[in-house]
Amino acid sequence: MFAGLQDVEWAALEHAYGSAEDVPSLLQDLASDDAAERETALAELYRAVHHQGNVYDSTIACVPFLFELAANAGVAERGQIIDLIASIGAAADGGLGQERAEEIISWMTDDDAVVRRAASLAVADCVADTERVIGLFQARAEVEADFACLSTFFRAAAEVVSRGPWSGVQPVVRWLEEIVGGDGDPGTRLAAFVELARLVPDRPADGVVVEQAVELLREATEIPTGEFLSRLNHALGDHVPGRIILIEDQLRHPDPDRRVDALRLAGELIRGWRGSYASLVALIGGQLAAPEPQVRRMALLALKNKYDLAAPAAEALAEQVAALGPDTWDSPDVRVRKDFREMVIVLARLGDERVLPILDVALTQDIGVRVLASALAKYRSHADRFVPMLRTQLRAHIDEMGSEPPIVVFGLLTALRELGAVDAVPDILQLLDRAVEGGQRLVREVAEKALASLGHAGAKEDEQTDTLPSALAELEAVWAEEPHSRIRIAEYVRDLGAAAEPLHPLLRAELATPYRHAYSPGITDSEEVRLDEQLLHLCRQTLEGAAEPCGAP
């Protein structure tokens, strides 16, 4: 191997980090007997010659040697090398050329199933003739014995035709329908069904399709179904009731791995989409008592940061908290302590009185104040129970506060604000004076926010860099362009009354939107569900008020 490798003037070529003179050794390390060396070499090639999908002159120079490595049965990570080739081919101007494409096609019949799977995906990316590509997948499916390869053929075929006109999709749809309706094993039929659901967007809205998906998932007992459940779930898109049906069915499955997958998807669904989740949340709560620790942990994660939507699981949560006992708040076992505290936080956000004795102890600790401060809003009727000790702690920190205030000060301010602790205003004013003297801007801002919330005269309101415009037309534009402003606009529309009726269609459209306004895929925000439910409440409240007859109380 590597004939001509040293003939290339690598030092004259470049990659993402400058000279490509290190590339020959990386290519040679891909053939190493040492797994760690191979892994490092592959990662470094992606980082340097194919950084963020870019193609450099050194990238093109690598291609012949990557093909040589992929064709050698003695090389360990051939499938991963083919993945790199495919990515380069998809990104390079003009692709890899017909001769290289034929070589990739030949790997679809390799003895190694991993190579066949990688080659199939590479063919989808690097061979331009769609009709031929589909024919290759269909022919290979007739003789392929490896289930993972079969499912890859279906997936790759669906991805290829989804890029082109509908006329190319129809033959693949018919092919997948034949497989789903045939007498093949349940796993193969399920894999085909998933791609069929993704290819035909209108099908998932059909209740019959959801029922068929549930049946196929139940029958596919010999394969891991997590990936297929996830892909089906996403294929259903805004058909939230259908997604709930799928997930709930898997939550009742005896296989703990299936329940873990379903719990993960349940948490994602509630976080990103609006819907009626009472029955699903109750089922999630039931998993808190599962014998498998991974199931219990995933159930708790699914309930985390769901605020009022977690209410149907309150009994199950309270049972677990009671069984563990209040001393578990300080358990020496890190995992047990962390899970216990998260359950207490979920219940506290619901205002559940069964955790009051735990809060009595937790709020005497800095960590307790920090993690529970924002969860106390529903305990205002118990303010006398907590406010005196919180004020005592705040005064102690004021006396000790130096140039760097302890983090717990922010938690104390938040806790007093959430509890509506008007009696704490003198303490907060004292803290504010110290913060101004010491130039502690963040402490000053949080203290001013707490004072404003407590109705202290003269307190500065939250500074807003995006002050709402008064003109209704401008408000409509802000609503569309700045989703984070929607709650304040909805409050404004509610308070403005009849004069704001031209904006009511915005509120109706918001209520009809299936996804959450504050949701950002890949970015976790502990407030997004609470804020979205607050927005929905404001929209309903305003529109219901507008519908009342004149003179209604």
Protein backbone atom coordinates (compact mmCIF):
# COMPACT_ATOMS: atom_id res chain seq x y z
CA MET A 1 0.00 0.00 0.00
CA PHE A 2 0.81 3.70 -0.18
CA ALA A 3 2.72 3.52 -3.47
CA GLY A 4 3.50 7.09 -4.46
CA LEU A 5 2.62 8.51 -1.04
CA GLN A 6 6.02 10.16 -0.64
CA ASP A 7 5.96 11.46 -4.22
CA VAL A 8 3.25 13.95 -3.32
CA GLU A 9 4.62 17.35 -2.27
CA TRP A 10 2.56 17.44 0.91
CA ALA A 11 4.44 20.41 2.35
CA ALA A 12 3.23 22.49 -0.59
CA LEU A 13 -0.38 21.53 0.09
CA GLU A 14 -2.58 22.92 2.84
CA HIS A 15 -5.34 21.84 5.18
CA ALA A 16 -7.34 23.68 7.84
CA TYR A 17 -4.30 24.24 10.05
CA GLY A 18 -1.65 25.10 7.47
CA SER A 19 0.90 22.81 5.83
CA ALA A 20 -0.26 19.27 5.01
CA GLU A 21 3.14 17.73 5.71
CA ASP A 22 1.64 15.68 8.58
CA VAL A 23 -0.92 13.97 6.34
CA PRO A 24 1.24 11.01 5.13
CA SER A 25 1.79 9.76 8.66
CA LEU A 26 -1.94 10.09 9.41
CA LEU A 27 -2.80 8.02 6.34
CA GLN A 28 -0.28 5.35 7.32
CA ASP A 29 -1.65 5.26 10.88
CA LEU A 30 -5.06 4.28 9.46
CA ALA A 31 -3.48 0.89 8.66
CA SER A 32 -1.87 0.54 12.12
CA ASP A 33 -2.40 -2.54 14.27
CA ASP A 34 -2.98 -0.19 17.21
CA ALA A 35 -6.67 0.73 17.54
CA ALA A 36 -5.88 3.97 19.40
CA GLU A 37 -3.56 5.10 16.59
CA ARG A 38 -6.22 4.36 13.98
CA GLU A 39 -8.85 6.26 15.93
CA THR A 40 -6.58 9.28 16.41
CA ALA A 41 -5.52 9.30 12.76
CA LEU A 42 -9.12 9.24 11.50
CA ALA A 43 -10.15 12.04 13.88
CA GLU A 44 -7.15 14.15 12.84
CA LEU A 45 -7.90 13.66 9.14
CA TYR A 46 -11.46 14.86 9.66
CA ARG A 47 -10.16 17.80 11.70
CA ALA A 48 -7.46 18.83 9.22
CA VAL A 49 -8.19 17.81 5.62
CA HIS A 50 -11.99 17.78 5.94
CA HIS A 51 -12.52 20.40 8.64
CA GLN A 52 -16.22 21.25 8.98
CA GLY A 53 -16.88 19.58 5.62
CA ASN A 54 -14.40 21.71 3.69
CA VAL A 55 -12.28 20.34 0.84
CA TYR A 56 -8.66 21.49 0.40
CA ASP A 57 -5.98 20.57 -2.13
CA SER A 58 -4.61 18.13 0.46
CA THR A 59 -8.08 16.56 0.75
CA ILE A 60 -8.12 15.69 -2.95
CA ALA A 61 -4.56 14.37 -2.69
CA CYS A 62 -5.69 11.99 0.08
CA VAL A 63 -8.48 10.39 -1.94
CA PRO A 64 -6.43 7.75 -3.87
CA PHE A 65 -4.83 6.54 -0.64
CA LEU A 66 -8.16 6.43 1.19
CA PHE A 67 -9.57 4.26 -1.61
CA GLU A 68 -6.54 1.98 -1.34
CA LEU A 69 -7.10 1.61 2.40
CA ALA A 70 -10.84 0.98 1.99
CA ALA A 71 -10.21 -1.74 -0.61
CA ASN A 72 -7.75 -3.62 1.62
CA ALA A 73 -9.52 -6.33 3.65
CA GLY A 74 -6.68 -6.23 6.18
CA VAL A 75 -7.50 -2.67 7.27
CA ALA A 76 -9.66 -2.62 10.40
CA GLU A 77 -11.83 0.50 10.08
CA ARG A 78 -12.75 0.24 6.41
CA GLY A 79 -16.34 1.30 7.01
CA GLN A 80 -15.27 4.53 8.71
CA ILE A 81 -12.79 5.25 5.94
CA ILE A 82 -15.58 4.83 3.39
CA ASP A 83 -17.67 7.27 5.43
CA LEU A 84 -14.86 9.81 5.10
CA ILE A 85 -14.61 9.16 1.34
CA ALA A 86 -18.36 9.65 0.95
CA SER A 87 -18.30 12.92 2.88
CA ILE A 88 -15.45 14.22 0.75
CA GLY A 89 -17.20 13.11 -2.44
CA ALA A 90 -20.42 14.87 -1.46
CA ALA A 91 -18.53 18.10 -0.71
CA ALA A 92 -16.04 18.13 -3.62
CA ASP A 93 -16.85 20.06 -6.78
CA GLY A 94 -17.68 17.48 -9.43
CA GLY A 95 -17.67 14.63 -6.92
CA LEU A 96 -15.13 11.80 -7.16
CA GLY A 97 -15.63 10.87 -10.80
CA GLN A 98 -17.27 7.86 -12.45
CA GLU A 99 -14.34 5.48 -11.97
CA ARG A 100 -14.29 6.07 -8.24
CA ALA A 101 -18.08 5.75 -8.08
CA GLU A 102 -17.85 2.28 -9.68
CA GLU A 103 -15.33 1.23 -7.03
CA ILE A 104 -17.66 2.36 -4.26
CA ILE A 105 -20.50 0.39 -5.87
CA SER A 106 -18.31 -2.73 -5.87
CA TRP A 107 -17.97 -2.51 -2.09
CA MET A 108 -21.73 -3.08 -1.75
CA THR A 109 -21.00 -6.81 -2.27
CA ASP A 110 -18.07 -6.96 0.17
CA ASP A 111 -17.91 -9.85 2.65
CA ASP A 112 -17.91 -7.39 5.57
CA ALA A 113 -21.42 -6.19 6.44
CA VAL A 114 -20.03 -2.97 7.97
CA VAL A 115 -18.35 -2.18 4.65
CA ARG A 116 -21.56 -2.96 2.74
CA ARG A 117 -23.53 -0.56 4.96
CA ALA A 118 -20.98 2.22 4.60
CA ALA A 119 -20.73 1.65 0.84
CA SER A 120 -24.52 1.91 0.49
CA LEU A 121 -24.57 5.33 2.14
CA ALA A 122 -21.57 6.37 0.04
CA VAL A 123 -23.35 5.32 -3.14
CA ALA A 124 -26.31 7.46 -2.11
CA ASP A 125 -24.01 10.46 -1.73
CA CYS A 126 -21.57 9.96 -4.60
CA VAL A 127 -23.45 8.33 -7.52
CA ALA A 128 -25.48 10.82 -9.53
CA ASP A 129 -27.71 8.39 -11.47
CA THR A 130 -30.73 8.13 -9.14
CA GLU A 131 -32.48 5.41 -11.12
CA ARG A 132 -29.38 3.24 -11.09
CA VAL A 133 -28.81 3.82 -7.38
CA ILE A 134 -32.36 2.74 -6.52
CA GLY A 135 -31.97 -0.32 -8.74
CA LEU A 136 -28.77 -1.25 -6.88
CA PHE A 137 -30.51 -1.00 -3.50
CA GLN A 138 -33.47 -3.04 -4.67
CA ALA A 139 -31.24 -5.74 -6.15
CA ARG A 140 -29.09 -5.97 -3.03
CA ALA A 141 -32.18 -6.14 -0.81
CA GLU A 142 -33.22 -9.33 -2.59
CA VAL A 143 -30.10 -11.19 -1.44
CA GLU A 144 -28.95 -9.34 1.68
CA ALA A 145 -29.03 -11.39 4.90
CA ASP A 146 -27.80 -8.71 7.30
CA PHE A 147 -30.68 -6.75 8.83
CA ALA A 148 -28.61 -3.59 9.41
CA CYS A 149 -27.66 -3.58 5.72
CA LEU A 150 -31.29 -4.02 4.66
CA SER A 151 -32.47 -1.13 6.81
CA THR A 152 -29.61 0.98 5.40
CA PHE A 153 -30.76 0.22 1.84
CA PHE A 154 -34.26 1.45 2.68
CA ARG A 155 -32.97 4.55 4.41
CA ALA A 156 -30.48 5.44 1.67
CA ALA A 157 -33.07 4.92 -1.07
CA ALA A 158 -35.52 7.19 0.71
CA GLU A 159 -32.88 9.89 1.17
CA VAL A 160 -31.81 9.74 -2.48
CA VAL A 161 -35.29 10.14 -3.95
CA SER A 162 -36.37 12.73 -1.40
CA ARG A 163 -33.85 15.11 -2.98
CA GLY A 164 -35.46 14.94 -6.41
CA PRO A 165 -38.88 15.30 -8.06
CA TRP A 166 -41.91 13.35 -6.85
CA SER A 167 -41.82 11.14 -9.95
CA GLY A 168 -38.67 9.55 -8.55
CA VAL A 169 -40.25 9.00 -5.16
CA GLN A 170 -43.22 6.97 -6.37
CA PRO A 171 -41.30 3.83 -7.43
CA VAL A 172 -39.55 3.74 -4.05
CA VAL A 173 -42.86 4.23 -2.25
CA ARG A 174 -44.34 1.26 -4.14
CA TRP A 175 -41.25 -0.84 -3.35
CA LEU A 176 -41.45 -0.03 0.37
CA GLU A 177 -45.22 -0.65 0.42
CA GLU A 178 -44.65 -4.11 -1.06
CA ILE A 179 -42.13 -4.92 1.68
CA VAL A 180 -44.36 -3.60 4.47
CA GLY A 181 -47.33 -5.57 3.15
CA GLY A 182 -45.31 -8.70 2.46
CA ASP A 183 -44.54 -11.74 4.56
CA GLY A 184 -41.02 -10.72 5.59
CA ASP A 185 -39.83 -10.67 9.16
CA PRO A 186 -41.26 -7.90 11.39
CA GLY A 187 -37.92 -6.07 11.68
CA THR A 188 -37.55 -5.72 7.91
CA ARG A 189 -41.14 -4.60 7.52
CA LEU A 190 -40.68 -2.07 10.34
CA ALA A 191 -37.52 -0.64 8.76
CA ALA A 192 -39.33 -0.21 5.42
CA PHE A 193 -42.37 1.28 7.14
CA VAL A 194 -40.26 3.94 8.87
CA GLU A 195 -38.85 5.18 5.55
CA LEU A 196 -42.29 5.04 3.97
CA ALA A 197 -43.64 7.27 6.76
CA ARG A 198 -40.79 9.73 6.18
CA LEU A 199 -41.28 9.77 2.39
CA VAL A 200 -45.02 10.41 2.36
CA PRO A 201 -45.67 13.34 4.71
CA ASP A 202 -49.47 13.02 4.61
CA ARG A 203 -49.52 9.38 5.70
CA PRO A 204 -48.57 9.85 9.37
CA ALA A 205 -51.69 11.94 10.06
CA ASP A 206 -53.75 8.82 9.35
CA GLY A 207 -54.69 7.00 12.57
CA VAL A 208 -54.45 3.69 10.72
CA VAL A 209 -50.79 4.40 10.03
CA VAL A 210 -50.13 4.99 13.73
CA GLU A 211 -51.88 1.72 14.59
CA GLN A 212 -49.75 -0.09 12.02
CA ALA A 213 -46.60 1.44 13.48
CA VAL A 214 -47.58 0.29 16.97
CA GLU A 215 -48.25 -3.23 15.67
CA LEU A 216 -44.93 -3.46 13.84
CA LEU A 217 -43.00 -2.18 16.88
CA ARG A 218 -44.67 -4.83 19.03
CA GLU A 219 -43.89 -7.60 16.55
CA ALA A 220 -40.22 -6.62 16.06
CA THR A 221 -38.91 -8.48 19.10
CA GLU A 222 -35.57 -9.59 17.66
CA ILE A 223 -34.01 -6.19 16.93
CA PRO A 224 -33.21 -3.00 18.88
CA THR A 225 -36.07 -0.65 18.02
CA GLY A 226 -34.80 2.63 19.52
CA GLU A 227 -33.60 4.13 16.24
CA PHE A 228 -36.80 3.15 14.43
CA LEU A 229 -39.01 4.53 17.20
CA SER A 230 -37.08 7.79 17.07
CA ARG A 231 -37.31 8.07 13.28
CA LEU A 232 -41.02 7.23 13.33
CA ASN A 233 -41.58 9.77 16.05
CA HIS A 234 -39.92 12.51 14.01
CA ALA A 235 -41.71 11.39 10.83
CA LEU A 236 -45.02 12.05 12.56
CA GLY A 237 -44.01 15.71 12.86
CA ASP A 238 -46.79 17.87 14.31
CA HIS A 239 -49.16 14.90 14.71
CA VAL A 240 -48.59 15.00 18.47
CA PRO A 241 -51.47 12.63 19.41
CA GLY A 242 -49.96 9.95 17.16
CA ARG A 243 -46.52 10.47 18.69
CA ILE A 244 -48.02 10.12 22.16
CA ILE A 245 -49.69 6.83 21.18
CA LEU A 246 -46.38 5.41 19.93
CA ILE A 247 -44.46 6.44 23.04
CA GLU A 248 -47.14 5.31 25.49
CA ASP A 249 -47.26 1.87 23.91
CA GLN A 250 -43.49 1.47 24.28
CA LEU A 251 -43.66 2.66 27.89
CA ARG A 252 -45.85 -0.38 28.60
CA HIS A 253 -43.32 -2.76 27.03
CA PRO A 254 -41.53 -5.23 29.33
CA ASP A 255 -38.13 -4.52 27.71
CA PRO A 256 -36.37 -1.83 29.80
CA ASP A 257 -34.31 -0.66 26.82
CA ARG A 258 -37.49 0.13 24.92
CA ARG A 259 -38.86 2.04 27.90
CA VAL A 260 -35.64 4.05 28.17
CA ASP A 261 -35.91 4.98 24.49
CA ALA A 262 -39.57 5.92 24.94
CA LEU A 263 -38.85 8.03 28.02
CA ARG A 264 -36.12 9.94 26.18
CA LEU A 265 -38.51 10.70 23.32
CA ALA A 266 -41.29 11.62 25.76
CA GLY A 267 -39.12 14.26 27.39
CA GLU A 268 -38.13 15.68 24.01
CA LEU A 269 -41.73 15.70 22.79
CA ILE A 270 -43.11 17.57 25.80
CA ARG A 271 -40.22 20.00 25.68
CA GLY A 272 -40.66 20.90 22.02
CA TRP A 273 -44.34 20.41 21.19
CA ARG A 274 -47.68 21.45 22.64
CA GLY A 275 -50.25 18.80 23.43
CA SER A 276 -52.40 17.01 26.00
CA TYR A 277 -49.85 15.11 28.03
CA ALA A 278 -51.71 14.04 31.18
CA SER A 279 -51.85 10.32 30.37
CA LEU A 280 -48.27 10.26 29.08
CA VAL A 281 -46.92 12.06 32.16
CA ALA A 282 -48.78 9.64 34.42
CA LEU A 283 -47.12 6.73 32.62
CA ILE A 284 -43.73 8.42 32.98
CA GLY A 285 -44.40 8.76 36.71
CA GLY A 286 -45.12 5.04 36.89
CA GLN A 287 -41.61 4.32 35.62
CA LEU A 288 -40.10 5.98 38.71
CA ALA A 289 -40.79 2.71 40.54
CA ALA A 290 -39.24 0.50 37.83
CA PRO A 291 -36.69 -2.06 39.07
CA GLU A 292 -34.12 -0.92 36.50
CA PRO A 293 -32.11 2.15 37.62
CA GLN A 294 -31.61 3.37 34.04
CA VAL A 295 -35.40 3.45 33.56
CA ARG A 296 -35.96 5.34 36.82
CA ARG A 297 -33.28 7.88 35.91
CA MET A 298 -34.69 8.49 32.42
CA ALA A 299 -38.21 8.88 33.84
CA LEU A 300 -36.94 11.58 36.17
CA LEU A 301 -35.14 13.33 33.32
CA ALA A 302 -38.38 13.27 31.30
CA LEU A 303 -40.18 15.06 34.15
CA LYS A 304 -37.42 17.58 34.81
CA ASN A 305 -38.26 21.23 33.99
CA LYS A 306 -41.83 20.41 32.99
CA TYR A 307 -43.36 22.53 35.79
CA ASP A 308 -47.18 22.23 35.96
CA LEU A 309 -47.21 19.59 33.22
CA ALA A 310 -45.57 17.21 35.72
CA ALA A 311 -48.68 17.25 37.95
CA PRO A 312 -50.03 13.83 36.84
CA ALA A 313 -46.79 12.29 38.14
CA ALA A 314 -46.96 14.03 41.54
CA GLU A 315 -48.23 10.98 43.44
CA ALA A 316 -45.52 8.74 42.01
CA LEU A 317 -42.86 11.35 42.80
CA ALA A 318 -44.13 11.81 46.35
CA GLU A 319 -44.12 8.07 46.92
CA GLN A 320 -40.47 7.84 45.88
CA VAL A 321 -39.51 10.82 48.03
CA ALA A 322 -41.32 9.38 51.05
CA ALA A 323 -39.76 5.94 50.54
CA LEU A 324 -36.26 7.41 50.44
CA GLY A 325 -36.83 9.72 53.41
CA PRO A 326 -35.88 13.36 54.04
CA ASP A 327 -32.30 12.51 55.05
CA THR A 328 -31.65 11.52 51.43
CA TRP A 329 -31.29 15.23 50.63
CA ASP A 330 -27.79 14.91 52.14
CA SER A 331 -27.09 11.30 51.08
CA PRO A 332 -23.37 10.52 50.65
CA ASP A 333 -24.25 8.67 47.43
CA VAL A 334 -23.93 11.36 44.76
CA ARG A 335 -26.35 9.74 42.30
CA VAL A 336 -28.99 9.01 44.93
CA ARG A 337 -28.67 12.53 46.35
CA LYS A 338 -28.90 14.16 42.91
CA ASP A 339 -31.99 12.19 41.86
CA PHE A 340 -33.71 12.84 45.21
CA ARG A 341 -33.12 16.56 44.95
CA GLU A 342 -34.47 16.64 41.41
CA MET A 343 -37.66 14.90 42.54
CA VAL A 344 -38.06 17.43 45.35
CA ILE A 345 -37.58 20.30 42.90
CA VAL A 346 -40.26 18.92 40.55
CA LEU A 347 -42.69 18.64 43.47
CA ALA A 348 -41.77 22.09 44.80
CA ARG A 349 -42.55 23.65 41.44
CA LEU A 350 -45.99 22.09 41.77
CA GLY A 351 -46.39 23.60 45.26
CA ASP A 352 -46.71 20.12 46.76
CA GLU A 353 -46.96 20.43 50.54
CA ARG A 354 -45.53 16.97 51.13
CA VAL A 355 -42.00 18.28 50.61
CA LEU A 356 -42.35 21.20 53.06
CA PRO A 357 -40.36 19.41 55.82
CA ILE A 358 -37.55 18.78 53.33
CA LEU A 359 -37.57 22.44 52.27
CA ASP A 360 -37.29 23.47 55.92
CA VAL A 361 -33.90 21.79 56.07
CA ALA A 362 -32.74 22.37 52.49
CA LEU A 363 -33.27 26.13 52.63
CA THR A 364 -30.83 26.42 55.53
CA GLN A 365 -28.07 25.29 53.16
CA ASP A 366 -26.44 27.33 50.41
CA ILE A 367 -26.94 24.51 47.90
CA GLY A 368 -30.59 24.18 48.87
CA VAL A 369 -31.22 27.91 48.36
CA ARG A 370 -29.45 27.85 45.01
CA VAL A 371 -31.37 24.91 43.54
CA LEU A 372 -34.78 25.63 45.10
CA ALA A 373 -34.98 29.43 44.91
CA SER A 374 -36.89 29.58 41.63
CA ALA A 375 -39.23 26.75 42.70
CA LEU A 376 -40.89 28.56 45.63
CA ALA A 377 -43.53 30.69 43.86
CA LYS A 378 -46.39 28.39 44.88
CA TYR A 379 -45.48 28.48 48.57
CA ARG A 380 -46.47 32.08 49.27
CA SER A 381 -49.06 30.88 51.76
CA HIS A 382 -46.12 29.38 53.67
CA ALA A 383 -43.91 32.47 53.40
CA ASP A 384 -43.82 32.91 57.19
CA ARG A 385 -42.23 29.49 57.39
CA PHE A 386 -39.29 30.35 55.14
CA VAL A 387 -38.82 34.12 54.95
CA PRO A 388 -37.34 34.71 58.44
CA MET A 389 -34.49 32.24 57.93
CA LEU A 390 -33.86 33.48 54.40
CA ARG A 391 -33.64 37.06 55.66
CA THR A 392 -31.23 35.98 58.40
CA GLN A 393 -28.99 34.36 55.80
CA LEU A 394 -29.13 37.41 53.55
CA ARG A 395 -28.18 39.78 56.39
CA ALA A 396 -25.24 37.55 57.29
CA HIS A 397 -23.97 37.66 53.72
CA ILE A 398 -24.42 41.45 53.56
CA ASP A 399 -22.19 41.82 56.60
CA GLU A 400 -19.56 39.51 55.10
CA MET A 401 -19.81 40.61 51.48
CA GLY A 402 -16.52 41.58 49.91
CA SER A 403 -15.62 42.35 46.33
CA GLU A 404 -16.92 38.94 45.19
CA PRO A 405 -20.40 38.21 46.61
CA PRO A 406 -21.18 34.53 47.27
CA ILE A 407 -23.39 32.92 44.63
CA VAL A 408 -26.02 32.10 47.25
CA VAL A 409 -26.88 35.82 47.49
CA PHE A 410 -28.54 35.60 44.07
CA GLY A 411 -30.50 32.54 45.21
CA LEU A 412 -31.66 34.31 48.37
CA LEU A 413 -32.88 37.30 46.37
CA THR A 414 -34.74 35.01 43.97
CA ALA A 415 -36.29 33.02 46.83
CA LEU A 416 -37.52 36.16 48.61
CA ARG A 417 -38.92 37.51 45.36
CA GLU A 418 -40.73 34.25 44.56
CA LEU A 419 -42.22 34.13 48.06
CA GLY A 420 -43.44 37.74 47.80
CA ALA A 421 -41.45 38.65 50.90
CA VAL A 422 -42.32 42.35 51.27
CA ASP A 423 -40.89 42.28 54.80
CA ALA A 424 -37.45 41.66 53.27
CA VAL A 425 -37.38 45.01 51.41
CA PRO A 426 -35.19 46.74 54.07
CA ASP A 427 -32.63 43.92 53.83
CA ILE A 428 -32.62 44.06 50.04
CA LEU A 429 -32.20 47.86 50.14
CA GLN A 430 -29.20 47.42 52.42
CA LEU A 431 -27.73 44.89 50.01
CA LEU A 432 -28.38 47.25 47.12
CA ASP A 433 -26.49 50.06 48.89
CA ARG A 434 -23.51 47.75 49.45
CA ALA A 435 -23.62 46.62 45.82
CA VAL A 436 -23.63 50.21 44.55
CA GLU A 437 -20.74 51.13 46.84
CA GLY A 438 -18.74 48.11 45.71
CA GLY A 439 -19.54 48.48 42.02
CA GLN A 440 -21.17 45.04 41.92
CA ARG A 441 -23.39 45.49 38.87
CA LEU A 442 -24.96 42.02 38.79
CA VAL A 443 -25.92 42.10 42.47
CA ARG A 444 -27.42 45.56 41.94
CA GLU A 445 -29.50 44.38 38.95
CA VAL A 446 -30.85 41.29 40.73
CA ALA A 447 -31.64 43.31 43.87
CA GLU A 448 -33.47 45.96 41.82
CA LYS A 449 -35.45 43.23 40.07
CA ALA A 450 -36.46 41.76 43.45
CA LEU A 451 -37.50 45.18 44.77
CA ALA A 452 -39.56 45.91 41.66
CA SER A 453 -41.29 42.54 41.95
CA LEU A 454 -42.09 43.25 45.61
CA GLY A 455 -43.66 46.58 44.63
CA HIS A 456 -41.10 48.80 46.31
CA ALA A 457 -41.72 52.40 45.27
CA GLY A 458 -38.85 53.87 43.29
CA ALA A 459 -37.30 50.52 42.42
CA LYS A 460 -35.93 50.37 38.91
CA GLU A 461 -37.90 48.13 36.62
CA ASP A 462 -36.08 45.47 34.64
CA GLU A 463 -34.01 47.22 32.02
CA GLN A 464 -35.31 46.25 28.60
CA THR A 465 -33.13 46.75 25.58
CA ASP A 466 -36.06 45.81 23.35
CA THR A 467 -38.81 48.15 24.66
CA LEU A 468 -42.15 47.30 23.14
CA PRO A 469 -43.27 49.70 20.43
CA SER A 470 -46.65 51.28 20.98
CA ALA A 471 -47.91 50.97 17.41
CA LEU A 472 -49.86 47.76 16.88
CA ALA A 473 -48.29 47.16 13.47
CA GLU A 474 -44.84 47.31 15.02
CA LEU A 475 -45.93 44.91 17.76
CA GLU A 476 -46.99 42.43 15.10
CA ALA A 477 -43.54 42.61 13.50
CA VAL A 478 -41.79 42.13 16.85
CA TRP A 479 -44.02 39.13 17.58
CA ALA A 480 -42.86 37.45 14.39
CA GLU A 481 -39.19 38.40 14.61
CA GLU A 482 -38.52 38.10 18.35
CA PRO A 483 -40.31 35.10 19.88
CA HIS A 484 -38.82 35.86 23.31
CA SER A 485 -40.95 39.05 23.37
CA ARG A 486 -44.27 37.27 22.91
CA ILE A 487 -45.14 36.95 26.59
CA ARG A 488 -44.71 40.68 27.17
CA ILE A 489 -46.69 41.49 24.03
CA ALA A 490 -49.47 39.11 25.10
CA GLU A 491 -49.60 40.81 28.51
CA TYR A 492 -49.77 44.19 26.79
CA VAL A 493 -52.57 43.03 24.50
CA ARG A 494 -54.49 41.63 27.47
CA ASP A 495 -54.11 44.84 29.49
CA LEU A 496 -54.95 47.08 26.54
CA GLY A 497 -58.37 45.47 26.14
CA ALA A 498 -60.58 46.20 23.15
CA ALA A 499 -58.07 48.59 21.62
CA ALA A 500 -55.74 45.65 20.94
CA GLU A 501 -58.32 43.51 19.10
CA PRO A 502 -56.46 43.88 15.76
CA LEU A 503 -53.75 41.71 17.34
CA HIS A 504 -56.13 38.94 18.41
CA PRO A 505 -55.48 36.96 15.20
CA LEU A 506 -51.86 36.68 16.36
CA LEU A 507 -53.03 35.08 19.61
CA ARG A 508 -55.32 32.67 17.76
CA ALA A 509 -52.52 31.69 15.40
CA GLU A 510 -50.24 31.10 18.39
CA LEU A 511 -52.77 28.77 20.00
CA ALA A 512 -53.01 26.85 16.72
CA THR A 513 -49.23 26.44 16.43
CA PRO A 514 -48.11 22.92 17.47
CA TYR A 515 -44.54 23.70 18.56
CA ARG A 516 -43.37 25.69 21.55
CA HIS A 517 -42.35 29.29 20.86
CA ALA A 518 -39.25 29.19 23.09
CA TYR A 519 -37.97 25.79 21.92
CA SER A 520 -34.51 25.61 20.34
CA PRO A 521 -33.41 22.12 19.21
CA GLY A 522 -30.07 21.17 20.71
CA ILE A 523 -30.21 23.94 23.31
CA THR A 524 -31.60 23.10 26.73
CA ASP A 525 -33.41 25.89 28.55
CA SER A 526 -34.95 25.01 31.90
CA GLU A 527 -37.62 27.69 31.42
CA GLU A 528 -38.86 26.95 27.90
CA VAL A 529 -41.87 24.78 28.86
CA ARG A 530 -42.95 27.10 31.68
CA LEU A 531 -42.66 30.19 29.48
CA ASP A 532 -44.57 28.56 26.64
CA GLU A 533 -47.39 27.43 28.92
CA GLN A 534 -47.51 30.98 30.32
CA LEU A 535 -47.85 32.36 26.79
CA LEU A 536 -50.66 29.93 25.95
CA HIS A 537 -52.47 30.89 29.16
CA LEU A 538 -52.21 34.59 28.33
CA CYS A 539 -53.52 34.02 24.80
CA ARG A 540 -56.52 32.01 26.04
CA GLN A 541 -57.20 34.46 28.86
CA THR A 542 -57.26 37.43 26.49
CA LEU A 543 -59.39 35.76 23.83
CA GLU A 544 -61.87 34.34 26.36
CA GLY A 545 -62.18 37.78 27.96
CA ALA A 546 -62.85 39.34 24.57
CA ALA A 547 -65.61 36.79 23.93
CA GLU A 548 -67.54 37.75 27.08
CA PRO A 549 -70.79 39.67 26.44
CA CYS A 550 -70.99 43.29 27.47
CA GLY A 551 -71.67 43.66 31.17
CA ALA A 552 -70.21 40.28 32.05
CA PRO A 553 -68.42 40.30 35.41
